[in-house]
């Protein structure tokens, strides 16, 4: 079991940054959710053999890295990956992580959103 945080950036630079992820995907071919909301990038990755799944249950036991979406995944997903001894790359955008942390902080403070 191991994990690595993949370098990622906001959507405006995602296509240029996705080339480094493309090389990682060439080895892994497995992504938990679409890596970015950019149809062209996703289609290009699919054409190179990337497989996008919605649930970890769809991934067979493998030594290949599994890449998590730039939009983040629930905390239960890395926990489940670790329980299955999967190697995964967390490609969550730092801005997305910041929003998630802020939302947790507000929730813990008893504030409601929406």
Protein backbone atom coordinates (compact mmCIF):
# COMPACT_ATOMS: atom_id res chain seq x y z
CA UNK A 1 0.00 0.00 0.00
CA UNK A 2 1.33 3.34 -0.95
CA UNK A 3 0.07 6.66 -2.07
CA UNK A 4 1.39 9.65 -3.87
CA UNK A 5 -0.01 13.09 -4.42
CA UNK A 6 0.12 13.90 -8.10
CA UNK A 7 0.92 17.45 -9.07
CA UNK A 8 -2.14 19.08 -10.54
CA UNK A 9 -3.39 22.55 -11.23
CA UNK A 10 -6.58 24.52 -11.84
CA UNK A 11 -8.64 23.74 -14.93
CA UNK A 12 -7.06 26.59 -16.89
CA UNK A 13 -3.74 24.74 -16.93
CA UNK A 14 -5.07 21.18 -16.77
CA UNK A 15 -4.52 20.34 -20.45
CA UNK A 16 -0.83 21.24 -20.29
CA UNK A 17 -0.35 19.58 -16.91
CA UNK A 18 -2.27 16.50 -18.01
CA UNK A 19 0.68 15.37 -20.14
CA UNK A 20 2.51 14.28 -16.97
CA UNK A 21 -0.62 12.48 -15.86
CA UNK A 22 -0.87 10.92 -19.32
CA UNK A 23 2.50 9.25 -18.78
CA UNK A 24 1.30 7.94 -15.41
CA UNK A 25 -1.95 6.76 -16.96
CA UNK A 26 -0.04 4.90 -19.67
CA UNK A 27 1.26 2.69 -16.88
CA UNK A 28 -1.92 2.53 -14.86
CA UNK A 29 -4.79 2.78 -17.35
CA UNK A 30 -7.15 3.10 -14.38
CA UNK A 31 -8.81 6.30 -13.17
CA UNK A 32 -11.40 6.60 -10.42
CA UNK A 33 -13.81 9.02 -12.08
CA UNK A 34 -12.92 11.17 -15.06
CA UNK A 35 -9.65 12.88 -14.26
CA UNK A 36 -10.87 16.32 -15.41
CA UNK A 37 -14.06 17.84 -16.80
CA UNK A 38 -12.53 18.34 -20.20
CA UNK A 39 -14.04 16.12 -22.85
CA UNK A 40 -11.02 16.47 -25.16
CA UNK A 41 -8.52 15.42 -22.48
CA UNK A 42 -10.70 12.52 -21.35
CA UNK A 43 -11.25 11.30 -24.93
CA UNK A 44 -7.51 11.54 -25.66
CA UNK A 45 -6.75 9.49 -22.55
CA UNK A 46 -9.40 6.91 -23.48
CA UNK A 47 -7.87 6.65 -26.95
CA UNK A 48 -4.55 5.83 -25.25
CA UNK A 49 -6.20 3.09 -23.24
CA UNK A 50 -7.23 4.80 -20.00
CA UNK A 51 -10.13 3.16 -18.24
CA UNK A 52 -12.42 5.35 -16.15
CA UNK A 53 -14.48 3.75 -13.39
CA UNK A 54 -17.01 5.16 -10.96
CA UNK A 55 -16.33 2.75 -8.09
CA UNK A 56 -13.18 1.05 -6.84
CA UNK A 57 -15.11 -2.24 -6.91
CA UNK A 58 -14.83 -2.08 -10.69
CA UNK A 59 -11.03 -2.27 -10.47
CA UNK A 60 -9.51 -5.75 -10.39
CA UNK A 61 -6.60 -6.48 -8.05
CA UNK A 62 -3.64 -4.82 -9.71
CA UNK A 63 -0.18 -3.47 -9.09
CA UNK A 64 -0.83 -0.63 -11.56
CA UNK A 65 -1.45 2.83 -10.09
CA UNK A 66 -5.03 4.02 -9.79
CA UNK A 67 -5.46 7.76 -10.31
CA UNK A 68 -8.08 9.73 -8.37
CA UNK A 69 -9.98 12.55 -10.05
CA UNK A 70 -8.76 16.14 -9.96
CA UNK A 71 -12.13 16.98 -8.44
CA UNK A 72 -11.42 14.91 -5.37
CA UNK A 73 -12.93 11.74 -3.97
CA UNK A 74 -14.68 11.01 -0.68
CA UNK A 75 -12.40 10.08 2.22
CA UNK A 76 -13.76 6.55 2.01
CA UNK A 77 -12.16 6.01 -1.43
CA UNK A 78 -8.48 6.25 -0.33
CA UNK A 79 -9.39 4.18 2.74
CA UNK A 80 -10.90 1.49 0.50
CA UNK A 81 -7.86 1.63 -1.80
CA UNK A 82 -5.54 1.16 1.15
CA UNK A 83 -7.66 -1.73 2.45
CA UNK A 84 -7.23 -3.39 -0.96
CA UNK A 85 -3.50 -2.57 -0.99
CA UNK A 86 -3.83 -0.56 -4.21
CA UNK A 87 -1.18 1.96 -5.18
CA UNK A 88 -2.96 5.21 -5.95
CA UNK A 89 -2.16 8.70 -7.13
CA UNK A 90 -4.28 11.47 -5.69
CA UNK A 91 -4.63 14.04 -8.48
CA UNK A 92 -6.98 16.28 -6.48
CA UNK A 93 -6.48 19.89 -7.44
CA UNK A 94 -5.08 21.93 -4.52
CA UNK A 95 -7.91 24.46 -4.94
CA UNK A 96 -10.47 21.67 -4.61
CA UNK A 97 -8.72 20.39 -1.48
CA UNK A 98 -8.79 23.90 -0.03
CA UNK A 99 -12.56 24.16 -0.58
CA UNK A 100 -13.09 20.74 1.02
CA UNK A 101 -11.05 21.74 4.07
CA UNK A 102 -12.98 25.00 4.42
CA UNK A 103 -16.31 23.15 4.13
CA UNK A 104 -15.24 20.71 6.86
CA UNK A 105 -14.15 23.59 9.08
CA UNK A 106 -17.50 25.35 8.68
CA UNK A 107 -19.40 22.10 9.26
CA UNK A 108 -17.45 21.42 12.46
CA UNK A 109 -18.25 24.98 13.60
CA UNK A 110 -21.96 24.20 13.17
CA UNK A 111 -22.48 26.45 10.17
CA UNK A 112 -24.89 25.36 7.47
CA UNK A 113 -24.36 25.95 3.80
CA UNK A 114 -27.11 26.51 1.26
